[in-house]
Amino acid sequence: MTYDMETVERAALEDLHAAAPADVRTALGVDGAVVGPAFVSLAAGFPPSAVVVNRAIGLGSAGDVDRDTVAEIIGRYQAAEIARYFVHLNPDASPPQIGDWLVDQGLEKARGWAKFERGREAAPSPRTDLDVRPATPDDADALDLGCAALGTETGEEVPGDPQHSYNNIRRAGFVETHVRANYAPPKTS
């Protein structure tokens, strides 16, 4: 199901671009383009921390990828003067040299995103002092539309850095499916 969730995530990012009104796209420098098999999402007016929007997804998942494809993706971010962005690379990306090509273009491997999924069954009961309530019919519209699985992501677990989100996601019944590598320009101080 790995690529199914990746396909859903890419479609959601493309829909975000399609839904943005023209005046908002212009004001925030929002642009999106398909380069090879990847969707390149740009938002020049967003802060450098906005890697959830400033990212390329789908590179190496299908279609032809070569050094020129990688250079074109990075060139789009450079032309838009976006200093911080992610180029996602799935574990099964092909050809396997893509990561090396990204590094050759000046990017470095950044913290990966752990990807999780689970079925529609109820999550385990939490132990908390918070007021937790069952979902209402309005909350469950997605399930009525044929949703077969739920997915989420967070930074990968690394030694010495407690990952509260990671642990909370696991407690909610999600299973890690893979870690998607991220490549980014070096951070500047």
N, C-alpha and C. Protein backbone atom coordinates (compact mmCIF):
# COMPACT_ATOMS: atom_id res chain seq x y z
N MET A 1 0.81 -1.20 0.00
CA MET A 1 0.00 0.00 0.00
C MET A 1 0.86 1.27 0.00
N THR A 2 2.16 1.11 0.08
CA THR A 2 3.05 2.26 0.17
C THR A 2 2.76 3.28 -0.93
N TYR A 3 2.76 2.84 -2.18
CA TYR A 3 2.56 3.80 -3.26
C TYR A 3 1.14 4.31 -3.31
N ASP A 4 0.16 3.53 -2.82
CA ASP A 4 -1.20 4.05 -2.76
C ASP A 4 -1.25 5.28 -1.86
N MET A 5 -0.64 5.19 -0.69
CA MET A 5 -0.64 6.34 0.23
C MET A 5 0.17 7.49 -0.36
N GLU A 6 1.26 7.20 -1.03
CA GLU A 6 2.05 8.24 -1.66
C GLU A 6 1.24 8.92 -2.77
N THR A 7 0.48 8.15 -3.50
CA THR A 7 -0.36 8.69 -4.57
C THR A 7 -1.43 9.59 -4.00
N VAL A 8 -2.03 9.18 -2.89
CA VAL A 8 -3.05 10.00 -2.23
C VAL A 8 -2.43 11.31 -1.73
N GLU A 9 -1.25 11.22 -1.13
CA GLU A 9 -0.59 12.42 -0.63
C GLU A 9 -0.26 13.38 -1.76
N ARG A 10 0.23 12.85 -2.86
CA ARG A 10 0.54 13.70 -4.02
C ARG A 10 -0.72 14.35 -4.56
N ALA A 11 -1.79 13.57 -4.69
CA ALA A 11 -3.05 14.13 -5.19
C ALA A 11 -3.56 15.24 -4.28
N ALA A 12 -3.41 15.06 -2.97
CA ALA A 12 -3.85 16.11 -2.03
C ALA A 12 -3.04 17.39 -2.22
N LEU A 13 -1.75 17.25 -2.45
CA LEU A 13 -0.90 18.43 -2.67
C LEU A 13 -1.29 19.12 -3.98
N GLU A 14 -1.54 18.33 -5.01
CA GLU A 14 -1.98 18.91 -6.28
C GLU A 14 -3.33 19.61 -6.11
N ASP A 15 -4.24 18.99 -5.34
CA ASP A 15 -5.55 19.61 -5.08
C ASP A 15 -5.42 20.92 -4.32
N LEU A 16 -4.46 20.99 -3.40
CA LEU A 16 -4.21 22.22 -2.67
C LEU A 16 -3.88 23.34 -3.65
N HIS A 17 -3.05 23.05 -4.61
CA HIS A 17 -2.68 24.04 -5.62
C HIS A 17 -3.90 24.42 -6.48
N ALA A 18 -4.65 23.42 -6.89
CA ALA A 18 -5.81 23.68 -7.75
C ALA A 18 -6.88 24.50 -7.04
N ALA A 19 -6.99 24.32 -5.72
CA ALA A 19 -8.04 25.01 -4.97
C ALA A 19 -7.66 26.44 -4.60
N ALA A 20 -6.39 26.77 -4.66
CA ALA A 20 -5.96 28.12 -4.26
C ALA A 20 -6.42 29.13 -5.31
N PRO A 21 -7.12 30.17 -4.89
CA PRO A 21 -7.55 31.20 -5.84
C PRO A 21 -6.33 31.90 -6.47
N ALA A 22 -6.51 32.39 -7.67
CA ALA A 22 -5.41 33.01 -8.42
C ALA A 22 -4.75 34.14 -7.64
N ASP A 23 -5.54 34.97 -6.94
CA ASP A 23 -4.93 36.09 -6.20
C ASP A 23 -4.07 35.59 -5.04
N VAL A 24 -4.46 34.50 -4.43
CA VAL A 24 -3.66 33.92 -3.34
C VAL A 24 -2.37 33.31 -3.91
N ARG A 25 -2.51 32.59 -5.04
CA ARG A 25 -1.32 32.01 -5.67
C ARG A 25 -0.31 33.10 -6.02
N THR A 26 -0.81 34.20 -6.56
CA THR A 26 0.08 35.31 -6.92
C THR A 26 0.72 35.94 -5.69
N ALA A 27 -0.09 36.23 -4.69
CA ALA A 27 0.41 36.90 -3.49
C ALA A 27 1.45 36.07 -2.74
N LEU A 28 1.30 34.75 -2.75
CA LEU A 28 2.20 33.88 -1.99
C LEU A 28 3.23 33.17 -2.87
N GLY A 29 3.24 33.48 -4.16
CA GLY A 29 4.20 32.83 -5.04
C GLY A 29 3.99 31.35 -5.15
N VAL A 30 2.73 30.92 -5.13
CA VAL A 30 2.40 29.50 -5.18
C VAL A 30 2.38 29.02 -6.63
N ASP A 31 3.09 27.94 -6.88
CA ASP A 31 3.15 27.37 -8.22
C ASP A 31 3.34 25.87 -8.06
N GLY A 32 2.86 25.13 -9.02
CA GLY A 32 3.04 23.69 -9.02
C GLY A 32 3.26 23.23 -10.44
N ALA A 33 4.11 22.23 -10.60
CA ALA A 33 4.41 21.73 -11.94
C ALA A 33 4.80 20.26 -11.85
N VAL A 34 4.51 19.54 -12.91
CA VAL A 34 4.96 18.16 -13.03
C VAL A 34 6.28 18.19 -13.79
N VAL A 35 7.30 17.62 -13.16
CA VAL A 35 8.63 17.51 -13.78
C VAL A 35 8.98 16.03 -13.76
N GLY A 36 9.02 15.42 -14.93
CA GLY A 36 9.19 13.97 -14.98
C GLY A 36 8.03 13.35 -14.22
N PRO A 37 8.31 12.39 -13.34
CA PRO A 37 7.23 11.78 -12.57
C PRO A 37 6.88 12.55 -11.29
N ALA A 38 7.58 13.63 -10.99
CA ALA A 38 7.41 14.34 -9.71
C ALA A 38 6.45 15.52 -9.84
N PHE A 39 5.73 15.80 -8.77
CA PHE A 39 4.97 17.04 -8.65
C PHE A 39 5.83 17.98 -7.80
N VAL A 40 6.15 19.14 -8.36
CA VAL A 40 6.99 20.12 -7.69
C VAL A 40 6.09 21.23 -7.17
N SER A 41 6.02 21.37 -5.86
CA SER A 41 5.17 22.33 -5.18
C SER A 41 6.03 23.47 -4.66
N LEU A 42 5.69 24.69 -5.06
CA LEU A 42 6.46 25.86 -4.66
C LEU A 42 5.55 26.90 -4.04
N ALA A 43 6.05 27.55 -2.99
CA ALA A 43 5.35 28.67 -2.36
C ALA A 43 6.41 29.65 -1.86
N ALA A 44 6.85 30.52 -2.75
CA ALA A 44 7.96 31.43 -2.46
C ALA A 44 7.64 32.38 -1.31
N GLY A 45 6.37 32.69 -1.09
CA GLY A 45 6.00 33.63 -0.03
C GLY A 45 5.84 32.99 1.33
N PHE A 46 6.05 31.70 1.43
CA PHE A 46 5.94 31.00 2.71
C PHE A 46 7.28 31.07 3.44
N PRO A 47 7.28 30.89 4.77
CA PRO A 47 8.55 30.90 5.51
C PRO A 47 9.39 29.67 5.17
N PRO A 48 10.69 29.72 5.44
CA PRO A 48 11.57 28.59 5.13
C PRO A 48 11.14 27.28 5.78
N SER A 49 10.40 27.34 6.88
CA SER A 49 9.97 26.13 7.57
C SER A 49 8.83 25.40 6.85
N ALA A 50 8.32 25.94 5.77
CA ALA A 50 7.12 25.40 5.11
C ALA A 50 7.44 24.27 4.14
N VAL A 51 8.22 23.29 4.59
CA VAL A 51 8.57 22.16 3.72
C VAL A 51 7.37 21.25 3.46
N VAL A 52 6.29 21.43 4.18
CA VAL A 52 5.08 20.66 3.90
C VAL A 52 4.48 21.11 2.57
N VAL A 53 4.75 22.34 2.17
CA VAL A 53 4.29 22.84 0.87
C VAL A 53 5.45 22.89 -0.12
N ASN A 54 6.60 23.38 0.30
CA ASN A 54 7.75 23.49 -0.60
C ASN A 54 8.47 22.15 -0.65
N ARG A 55 7.99 21.28 -1.55
CA ARG A 55 8.55 19.94 -1.66
C ARG A 55 8.19 19.34 -3.01
N ALA A 56 8.99 18.38 -3.41
CA ALA A 56 8.73 17.63 -4.64
C ALA A 56 8.44 16.19 -4.23
N ILE A 57 7.36 15.65 -4.74
CA ILE A 57 6.91 14.31 -4.37
C ILE A 57 6.72 13.47 -5.63
N GLY A 58 7.13 12.22 -5.56
CA GLY A 58 6.92 11.29 -6.67
C GLY A 58 8.15 11.02 -7.51
N LEU A 59 9.28 11.63 -7.19
CA LEU A 59 10.49 11.41 -7.96
C LEU A 59 10.93 9.96 -7.82
N GLY A 60 11.06 9.28 -8.94
CA GLY A 60 11.51 7.89 -8.94
C GLY A 60 10.41 6.87 -8.72
N SER A 61 9.15 7.33 -8.61
CA SER A 61 8.05 6.38 -8.38
C SER A 61 7.54 5.78 -9.68
N ALA A 62 7.72 6.48 -10.78
CA ALA A 62 7.29 6.00 -12.09
C ALA A 62 7.94 6.89 -13.14
N GLY A 63 8.01 6.39 -14.36
CA GLY A 63 8.53 7.22 -15.44
C GLY A 63 10.04 7.35 -15.40
N ASP A 64 10.54 8.04 -16.40
CA ASP A 64 11.98 8.20 -16.54
C ASP A 64 12.50 9.32 -15.66
N VAL A 65 13.60 9.05 -14.99
CA VAL A 65 14.29 10.05 -14.19
C VAL A 65 15.77 9.99 -14.56
N ASP A 66 16.35 11.15 -14.82
CA ASP A 66 17.77 11.22 -15.07
C ASP A 66 18.32 12.47 -14.38
N ARG A 67 19.59 12.72 -14.55
CA ARG A 67 20.23 13.87 -13.90
C ARG A 67 19.55 15.19 -14.31
N ASP A 68 19.10 15.27 -15.57
CA ASP A 68 18.45 16.49 -16.04
C ASP A 68 17.13 16.73 -15.32
N THR A 69 16.40 15.65 -15.02
CA THR A 69 15.14 15.78 -14.27
C THR A 69 15.42 16.36 -12.89
N VAL A 70 16.43 15.81 -12.22
CA VAL A 70 16.82 16.28 -10.89
C VAL A 70 17.24 17.74 -10.95
N ALA A 71 18.05 18.10 -11.94
CA ALA A 71 18.52 19.48 -12.08
C ALA A 71 17.36 20.44 -12.34
N GLU A 72 16.38 20.01 -13.13
CA GLU A 72 15.22 20.88 -13.40
C GLU A 72 14.40 21.13 -12.14
N ILE A 73 14.20 20.10 -11.34
CA ILE A 73 13.45 20.26 -10.09
C ILE A 73 14.16 21.27 -9.18
N ILE A 74 15.44 21.08 -8.96
CA ILE A 74 16.19 21.98 -8.09
C ILE A 74 16.23 23.38 -8.68
N GLY A 75 16.36 23.48 -9.99
CA GLY A 75 16.38 24.77 -10.66
C GLY A 75 15.10 25.57 -10.46
N ARG A 76 13.98 24.88 -10.36
CA ARG A 76 12.71 25.59 -10.12
C ARG A 76 12.71 26.25 -8.74
N TYR A 77 13.23 25.56 -7.74
CA TYR A 77 13.30 26.15 -6.39
C TYR A 77 14.30 27.32 -6.37
N GLN A 78 15.40 27.14 -7.05
CA GLN A 78 16.40 28.22 -7.10
C GLN A 78 15.83 29.45 -7.82
N ALA A 79 15.14 29.24 -8.94
CA ALA A 79 14.56 30.36 -9.69
C ALA A 79 13.53 31.11 -8.86
N ALA A 80 12.80 30.37 -8.00
CA ALA A 80 11.79 30.99 -7.14
C ALA A 80 12.40 31.55 -5.86
N GLU A 81 13.71 31.40 -5.71
CA GLU A 81 14.45 31.86 -4.53
C GLU A 81 13.90 31.26 -3.23
N ILE A 82 13.57 29.97 -3.30
CA ILE A 82 13.12 29.22 -2.13
C ILE A 82 14.35 28.54 -1.54
N ALA A 83 14.72 28.95 -0.33
CA ALA A 83 15.96 28.48 0.28
C ALA A 83 15.83 27.09 0.91
N ARG A 84 14.64 26.74 1.39
CA ARG A 84 14.46 25.46 2.10
C ARG A 84 13.29 24.72 1.48
N TYR A 85 13.54 23.53 1.02
CA TYR A 85 12.53 22.67 0.42
C TYR A 85 13.00 21.23 0.56
N PHE A 86 12.09 20.30 0.40
CA PHE A 86 12.43 18.88 0.44
C PHE A 86 12.18 18.26 -0.93
N VAL A 87 13.04 17.36 -1.32
CA VAL A 87 12.79 16.46 -2.44
C VAL A 87 12.67 15.08 -1.82
N HIS A 88 11.46 14.54 -1.88
CA HIS A 88 11.20 13.22 -1.27
C HIS A 88 11.72 12.11 -2.17
N LEU A 89 12.20 11.07 -1.55
CA LEU A 89 12.67 9.90 -2.28
C LEU A 89 12.26 8.65 -1.52
N ASN A 90 11.39 7.86 -2.11
CA ASN A 90 10.91 6.63 -1.47
C ASN A 90 11.98 5.55 -1.50
N PRO A 91 11.88 4.59 -0.59
CA PRO A 91 12.90 3.53 -0.54
C PRO A 91 13.00 2.75 -1.86
N ASP A 92 11.91 2.64 -2.60
CA ASP A 92 11.91 1.86 -3.85
C ASP A 92 12.13 2.72 -5.08
N ALA A 93 12.57 3.95 -4.91
CA ALA A 93 12.75 4.85 -6.04
C ALA A 93 13.72 4.26 -7.06
N SER A 94 13.43 4.54 -8.31
CA SER A 94 14.24 4.01 -9.38
C SER A 94 14.51 5.11 -10.40
N PRO A 95 15.74 5.19 -10.89
CA PRO A 95 16.89 4.34 -10.60
C PRO A 95 17.48 4.64 -9.23
N PRO A 96 18.24 3.69 -8.68
CA PRO A 96 18.77 3.87 -7.32
C PRO A 96 19.79 5.00 -7.17
N GLN A 97 20.30 5.55 -8.26
CA GLN A 97 21.28 6.62 -8.20
C GLN A 97 20.67 7.99 -7.91
N ILE A 98 19.36 8.11 -7.83
CA ILE A 98 18.72 9.42 -7.67
C ILE A 98 19.26 10.16 -6.44
N GLY A 99 19.41 9.46 -5.33
CA GLY A 99 19.95 10.10 -4.12
C GLY A 99 21.32 10.70 -4.37
N ASP A 100 22.17 9.99 -5.10
CA ASP A 100 23.50 10.51 -5.42
C ASP A 100 23.38 11.75 -6.31
N TRP A 101 22.45 11.74 -7.26
CA TRP A 101 22.27 12.89 -8.15
C TRP A 101 21.81 14.12 -7.36
N LEU A 102 20.94 13.90 -6.37
CA LEU A 102 20.49 15.01 -5.54
C LEU A 102 21.66 15.62 -4.76
N VAL A 103 22.53 14.75 -4.23
CA VAL A 103 23.71 15.23 -3.50
C VAL A 103 24.65 15.96 -4.46
N ASP A 104 24.82 15.43 -5.66
CA ASP A 104 25.67 16.08 -6.67
C ASP A 104 25.16 17.49 -7.01
N GLN A 105 23.85 17.72 -6.84
CA GLN A 105 23.26 19.02 -7.12
C GLN A 105 23.31 19.96 -5.91
N GLY A 106 23.99 19.50 -4.83
CA GLY A 106 24.16 20.37 -3.67
C GLY A 106 23.20 20.13 -2.52
N LEU A 107 22.31 19.14 -2.65
CA LEU A 107 21.40 18.84 -1.55
C LEU A 107 22.06 17.86 -0.59
N GLU A 108 21.53 17.79 0.61
CA GLU A 108 22.02 16.82 1.58
C GLU A 108 20.84 16.04 2.13
N LYS A 109 21.14 14.85 2.60
CA LYS A 109 20.08 14.03 3.17
C LYS A 109 19.62 14.67 4.47
N ALA A 110 18.34 14.91 4.59
CA ALA A 110 17.74 15.49 5.79
C ALA A 110 16.99 14.38 6.54
N ARG A 111 16.43 14.74 7.67
CA ARG A 111 15.65 13.76 8.45
C ARG A 111 14.49 13.23 7.60
N GLY A 112 14.39 11.92 7.56
CA GLY A 112 13.31 11.30 6.79
C GLY A 112 11.97 11.44 7.49
N TRP A 113 10.93 11.16 6.74
CA TRP A 113 9.58 11.16 7.29
C TRP A 113 9.11 9.72 7.40
N ALA A 114 8.82 9.28 8.63
CA ALA A 114 8.27 7.95 8.85
C ALA A 114 6.81 7.98 8.42
N LYS A 115 6.44 7.01 7.60
CA LYS A 115 5.08 6.93 7.08
C LYS A 115 4.36 5.78 7.78
N PHE A 116 3.10 6.03 8.13
CA PHE A 116 2.31 5.05 8.87
C PHE A 116 0.96 4.87 8.18
N GLU A 117 0.36 3.71 8.40
CA GLU A 117 -1.02 3.51 7.98
C GLU A 117 -1.68 2.47 8.88
N ARG A 118 -2.98 2.51 8.83
CA ARG A 118 -3.78 1.52 9.57
C ARG A 118 -5.15 1.46 8.92
N GLY A 119 -5.91 0.45 9.28
CA GLY A 119 -7.27 0.31 8.76
C GLY A 119 -8.23 1.25 9.45
N ARG A 120 -9.51 1.08 9.13
CA ARG A 120 -10.56 1.96 9.65
C ARG A 120 -11.03 1.60 11.05
N GLU A 121 -10.56 0.50 11.59
CA GLU A 121 -11.03 0.07 12.91
C GLU A 121 -10.74 1.14 13.96
N ALA A 122 -11.47 1.08 15.04
CA ALA A 122 -11.29 2.07 16.11
C ALA A 122 -9.88 2.00 16.67
N ALA A 123 -9.36 3.14 17.00
CA ALA A 123 -8.03 3.21 17.61
C ALA A 123 -8.09 2.69 19.04
N PRO A 124 -6.98 2.21 19.56
CA PRO A 124 -6.98 1.77 20.96
C PRO A 124 -7.40 2.92 21.87
N SER A 125 -8.05 2.58 22.97
CA SER A 125 -8.49 3.60 23.91
C SER A 125 -7.29 4.28 24.54
N PRO A 126 -7.29 5.60 24.50
CA PRO A 126 -6.15 6.32 25.09
C PRO A 126 -6.26 6.42 26.60
N ARG A 127 -5.13 6.57 27.24
CA ARG A 127 -5.10 6.86 28.67
C ARG A 127 -4.76 8.34 28.79
N THR A 128 -5.75 9.13 29.16
CA THR A 128 -5.54 10.58 29.20
C THR A 128 -6.55 11.24 30.12
N ASP A 129 -6.23 12.42 30.58
CA ASP A 129 -7.17 13.24 31.34
C ASP A 129 -8.00 14.13 30.43
N LEU A 130 -7.70 14.09 29.14
CA LEU A 130 -8.44 14.91 28.18
C LEU A 130 -9.84 14.35 27.97
N ASP A 131 -10.73 15.19 27.52
CA ASP A 131 -12.09 14.77 27.18
C ASP A 131 -12.07 14.21 25.77
N VAL A 132 -12.06 12.90 25.63
CA VAL A 132 -12.03 12.24 24.33
C VAL A 132 -13.43 11.76 24.03
N ARG A 133 -13.94 12.11 22.85
CA ARG A 133 -15.31 11.76 22.48
C ARG A 133 -15.32 10.94 21.20
N PRO A 134 -16.37 10.15 21.01
CA PRO A 134 -16.49 9.42 19.74
C PRO A 134 -16.70 10.41 18.59
N ALA A 135 -16.26 10.00 17.42
CA ALA A 135 -16.49 10.83 16.24
C ALA A 135 -17.99 10.90 15.96
N THR A 136 -18.43 12.04 15.49
CA THR A 136 -19.83 12.20 15.09
C THR A 136 -19.96 11.84 13.62
N PRO A 137 -21.18 11.69 13.13
CA PRO A 137 -21.35 11.42 11.69
C PRO A 137 -20.66 12.47 10.82
N ASP A 138 -20.67 13.72 11.26
CA ASP A 138 -19.99 14.76 10.48
C ASP A 138 -18.48 14.52 10.44
N ASP A 139 -17.92 13.97 11.50
CA ASP A 139 -16.49 13.69 11.55
C ASP A 139 -16.11 12.52 10.64
N ALA A 140 -17.06 11.66 10.37
CA ALA A 140 -16.77 10.40 9.69
C ALA A 140 -17.09 10.42 8.20
N ASP A 141 -17.29 11.59 7.61
CA ASP A 141 -17.63 11.65 6.18
C ASP A 141 -16.63 10.92 5.31
N ALA A 142 -15.35 11.03 5.61
CA ALA A 142 -14.32 10.39 4.77
C ALA A 142 -14.52 8.88 4.75
N LEU A 143 -14.92 8.31 5.87
CA LEU A 143 -15.12 6.86 5.91
C LEU A 143 -16.31 6.45 5.06
N ASP A 144 -17.31 7.32 4.97
CA ASP A 144 -18.48 7.01 4.15
C ASP A 144 -18.18 7.13 2.66
N LEU A 145 -17.10 7.80 2.32
CA LEU A 145 -16.75 7.98 0.91
C LEU A 145 -15.85 6.86 0.40
N GLY A 146 -15.74 5.79 1.13
CA GLY A 146 -14.97 4.65 0.67
C GLY A 146 -13.54 4.61 1.15
N CYS A 147 -13.22 5.36 2.16
CA CYS A 147 -11.86 5.35 2.71
C CYS A 147 -11.58 3.96 3.27
N ALA A 148 -10.51 3.33 2.79
CA ALA A 148 -10.19 1.98 3.24
C ALA A 148 -9.07 1.96 4.28
N ALA A 149 -8.27 3.01 4.31
CA ALA A 149 -7.15 3.05 5.23
C ALA A 149 -6.85 4.49 5.59
N LEU A 150 -6.18 4.67 6.71
CA LEU A 150 -5.77 5.99 7.17
C LEU A 150 -4.26 6.06 7.13
N GLY A 151 -3.73 7.22 6.82
CA GLY A 151 -2.29 7.37 6.77
C GLY A 151 -1.85 8.66 7.44
N THR A 152 -0.62 8.68 7.91
CA THR A 152 -0.05 9.88 8.50
C THR A 152 1.47 9.77 8.43
N GLU A 153 2.15 10.82 8.85
CA GLU A 153 3.60 10.80 8.84
C GLU A 153 4.14 11.75 9.89
N THR A 154 5.39 11.53 10.26
CA THR A 154 6.11 12.41 11.17
C THR A 154 7.59 12.19 10.95
N GLY A 155 8.41 13.01 11.57
CA GLY A 155 9.85 12.81 11.47
C GLY A 155 10.24 11.43 11.96
N GLU A 156 11.23 10.85 11.29
CA GLU A 156 11.66 9.51 11.69
C GLU A 156 12.26 9.52 13.09
N GLU A 157 12.18 8.39 13.74
CA GLU A 157 12.73 8.24 15.08
C GLU A 157 14.25 8.18 14.99
N VAL A 158 14.92 9.03 15.77
CA VAL A 158 16.38 9.02 15.79
C VAL A 158 16.84 8.97 17.25
N PRO A 159 17.99 8.33 17.51
CA PRO A 159 18.49 8.23 18.89
C PRO A 159 18.72 9.62 19.48
N GLY A 160 18.35 9.76 20.75
CA GLY A 160 18.59 11.00 21.47
C GLY A 160 17.57 12.09 21.24
N ASP A 161 16.56 11.83 20.41
CA ASP A 161 15.54 12.84 20.13
C ASP A 161 14.17 12.20 20.34
N PRO A 162 13.59 12.39 21.52
CA PRO A 162 12.29 11.75 21.77
C PRO A 162 11.25 12.21 20.76
N GLN A 163 10.62 11.27 20.15
CA GLN A 163 9.62 11.56 19.12
C GLN A 163 8.22 11.34 19.68
N HIS A 164 7.68 12.39 20.28
CA HIS A 164 6.35 12.28 20.87
C HIS A 164 5.31 11.98 19.80
N SER A 165 5.39 12.65 18.66
CA SER A 165 4.43 12.39 17.59
C SER A 165 4.53 10.95 17.12
N TYR A 166 5.75 10.48 16.91
CA TYR A 166 5.98 9.11 16.46
C TYR A 166 5.31 8.13 17.42
N ASN A 167 5.58 8.31 18.71
CA ASN A 167 5.02 7.40 19.72
C ASN A 167 3.50 7.52 19.81
N ASN A 168 2.96 8.72 19.70
CA ASN A 168 1.50 8.89 19.73
C ASN A 168 0.84 8.23 18.53
N ILE A 169 1.46 8.33 17.38
CA ILE A 169 0.91 7.70 16.18
C ILE A 169 0.88 6.19 16.35
N ARG A 170 1.94 5.62 16.89
CA ARG A 170 1.97 4.16 17.12
C ARG A 170 0.91 3.75 18.13
N ARG A 171 0.72 4.58 19.19
CA ARG A 171 -0.30 4.26 20.20
C ARG A 171 -1.71 4.31 19.60
N ALA A 172 -1.88 5.07 18.53
CA ALA A 172 -3.19 5.16 17.88
C ALA A 172 -3.44 4.00 16.92
N GLY A 173 -2.55 3.03 16.92
CA GLY A 173 -2.78 1.84 16.11
C GLY A 173 -2.17 1.87 14.72
N PHE A 174 -1.41 2.91 14.40
CA PHE A 174 -0.76 2.97 13.09
C PHE A 174 0.50 2.12 13.10
N VAL A 175 0.84 1.60 11.94
CA VAL A 175 2.03 0.78 11.76
C VAL A 175 2.94 1.50 10.78
N GLU A 176 4.21 1.62 11.13
CA GLU A 176 5.15 2.26 10.22
C GLU A 176 5.32 1.39 8.98
N THR A 177 5.14 1.99 7.81
CA THR A 177 5.29 1.24 6.56
C THR A 177 6.64 1.46 5.92
N HIS A 178 7.19 2.65 6.06
CA HIS A 178 8.51 2.94 5.50
C HIS A 178 8.95 4.33 5.94
N VAL A 179 10.20 4.62 5.72
CA VAL A 179 10.73 5.96 5.94
C VAL A 179 11.06 6.54 4.58
N ARG A 180 10.47 7.67 4.29
CA ARG A 180 10.73 8.34 3.02
C ARG A 180 11.89 9.31 3.23
N ALA A 181 12.95 9.13 2.46
CA ALA A 181 14.12 9.99 2.57
C ALA A 181 13.78 11.39 2.07
N ASN A 182 14.36 12.37 2.69
CA ASN A 182 14.21 13.76 2.27
C ASN A 182 15.59 14.33 1.97
N TYR A 183 15.69 15.05 0.88
CA TYR A 183 16.90 15.75 0.53
C TYR A 183 16.57 17.24 0.51
N ALA A 184 17.48 18.06 1.02
CA ALA A 184 17.24 19.49 1.15
C ALA A 184 18.54 20.25 0.99
N PRO A 185 18.43 21.54 0.64
CA PRO A 185 19.65 22.35 0.63
C PRO A 185 20.21 22.40 2.05
N PRO A 186 21.51 22.57 2.18
CA PRO A 186 22.09 22.68 3.53
C PRO A 186 21.45 23.85 4.28
N LYS A 187 21.22 23.66 5.57
CA LYS A 187 20.67 24.75 6.39
C LYS A 187 21.72 25.85 6.53
N THR A 188 21.23 27.08 6.46
CA THR A 188 22.13 28.21 6.68
C THR A 188 21.78 28.84 8.03
N SER A 189 22.77 29.42 8.69
CA SER A 189 22.51 29.98 10.01
C SER A 189 22.06 31.41 9.91
